[in-house]
């Protein structure tokens, strides 16, 4: 069984609904995943897998974690979280682009 399958099965069994969310570090410890980035990649793989029908919801922060969505609100909260992260990355790339343009102007 892959890590994706193991974590997906665990979430489906024990973490349905936001009140049952599990923290990033708890999943990493339970499934021996090294680092946040590795776990985020596993969650991304689960979300992209068309055979895994349940939606893995998540939010960041002290009250954050991962869970299987059981409402439209769970999905919307996750979408908002992902869109905010994407916006932050675009803003950061624009800042770096501006610095590069100023630094290497000819």
Protein backbone atom coordinates (compact mmCIF):
# COMPACT_ATOMS: atom_id res chain seq x y z
CA UNK A 1 0.00 0.00 0.00
CA UNK A 2 1.39 3.44 -0.94
CA UNK A 3 1.71 6.30 1.55
CA UNK A 4 -1.08 8.04 -0.35
CA UNK A 5 -3.37 5.03 0.09
CA UNK A 6 -2.46 4.65 3.76
CA UNK A 7 -3.06 8.30 4.58
CA UNK A 8 -6.24 8.48 2.49
CA UNK A 9 -7.65 5.39 4.22
CA UNK A 10 -6.75 6.84 7.63
CA UNK A 11 -8.41 10.17 6.86
CA UNK A 12 -11.53 8.42 5.55
CA UNK A 13 -11.78 6.26 8.66
CA UNK A 14 -10.83 8.67 11.45
CA UNK A 15 -10.92 12.24 10.16
CA UNK A 16 -14.32 12.90 8.59
CA UNK A 17 -15.48 16.46 9.25
CA UNK A 18 -13.50 19.46 10.39
CA UNK A 19 -14.00 18.65 14.07
CA UNK A 20 -11.99 15.46 13.45
CA UNK A 21 -9.08 17.10 11.63
CA UNK A 22 -5.58 15.83 12.18
CA UNK A 23 -2.49 18.02 12.45
CA UNK A 24 0.26 17.85 9.85
CA UNK A 25 2.86 16.69 12.37
CA UNK A 26 0.57 13.92 13.63
CA UNK A 27 0.17 12.49 10.12
CA UNK A 28 3.90 12.78 9.49
CA UNK A 29 4.69 10.95 12.72
CA UNK A 30 2.07 8.23 12.23
CA UNK A 31 3.10 7.48 8.63
CA UNK A 32 6.82 8.24 8.92
CA UNK A 33 6.76 11.14 6.46
CA UNK A 34 9.81 13.39 6.60
CA UNK A 35 8.90 17.06 6.44
CA UNK A 36 5.95 19.31 5.68
CA UNK A 37 6.75 19.51 1.98
CA UNK A 38 6.65 15.72 1.61
CA UNK A 39 3.27 15.49 3.33
CA UNK A 40 1.85 18.33 1.23
CA UNK A 41 2.97 16.44 -1.89
CA UNK A 42 1.24 13.28 -0.66
CA UNK A 43 -1.96 15.24 0.01
CA UNK A 44 -1.68 16.82 -3.45
CA UNK A 45 -1.35 13.34 -4.99
CA UNK A 46 -4.43 12.17 -3.09
CA UNK A 47 -6.42 15.19 -4.25
CA UNK A 48 -5.41 14.63 -7.87
CA UNK A 49 -6.15 10.89 -7.83
CA UNK A 50 -9.51 10.33 -9.53
CA UNK A 51 -9.91 6.97 -7.77
CA UNK A 52 -9.85 8.66 -4.38
CA UNK A 53 -13.34 10.18 -4.44
CA UNK A 54 -13.39 11.86 -1.04
CA UNK A 55 -12.18 15.47 -0.79
CA UNK A 56 -9.26 16.13 1.54
CA UNK A 57 -9.92 19.49 3.15
CA UNK A 58 -7.32 21.54 4.96
CA UNK A 59 -6.50 24.85 6.57
CA UNK A 60 -3.23 26.19 7.94
CA UNK A 61 -2.41 27.70 11.29
CA UNK A 62 -2.68 26.72 14.93
CA UNK A 63 -6.20 25.34 14.40
CA UNK A 64 -5.33 23.82 11.03
CA UNK A 65 -5.08 20.28 9.82
CA UNK A 66 -6.40 17.79 7.28
CA UNK A 67 -9.76 16.07 7.17
CA UNK A 68 -12.29 14.56 4.80
CA UNK A 69 -14.78 17.23 3.81
CA UNK A 70 -18.38 16.51 4.72
CA UNK A 71 -19.91 19.84 3.73
CA UNK A 72 -19.77 22.44 1.02
CA UNK A 73 -18.34 24.85 3.62
CA UNK A 74 -15.38 22.52 4.22
CA UNK A 75 -14.66 22.55 0.49
CA UNK A 76 -15.02 26.32 0.21
CA UNK A 77 -12.70 26.89 3.18
CA UNK A 78 -10.09 24.65 1.57
CA UNK A 79 -10.45 26.37 -1.80
CA UNK A 80 -10.01 29.77 -0.12
CA UNK A 81 -6.92 28.51 1.71
CA UNK A 82 -5.36 27.18 -1.52
CA UNK A 83 -6.22 30.34 -3.48
CA UNK A 84 -4.65 32.52 -0.77
CA UNK A 85 -1.45 30.45 -0.90
CA UNK A 86 -1.40 30.78 -4.69
CA UNK A 87 -1.86 34.55 -4.48
CA UNK A 88 0.99 34.81 -2.00
CA UNK A 89 3.28 32.86 -4.35
CA UNK A 90 2.38 35.11 -7.29
CA UNK A 91 3.05 38.23 -5.18
CA UNK A 92 6.41 36.83 -4.11
CA UNK A 93 7.40 36.00 -7.68
CA UNK A 94 6.47 39.57 -8.73
CA UNK A 95 8.69 41.02 -5.97
CA UNK A 96 11.61 38.82 -7.03
CA UNK A 97 11.03 39.70 -10.68
CA UNK A 98 11.11 43.42 -9.81
CA UNK A 99 14.34 43.02 -7.84
CA UNK A 100 15.89 41.09 -10.70
CA UNK A 101 14.90 43.78 -13.21
CA UNK A 102 16.43 46.52 -11.03
CA UNK A 103 19.57 44.58 -10.25
CA UNK A 104 20.32 43.46 -13.80
CA UNK A 105 19.18 46.53 -15.76
CA UNK A 106 21.48 47.25 -18.67
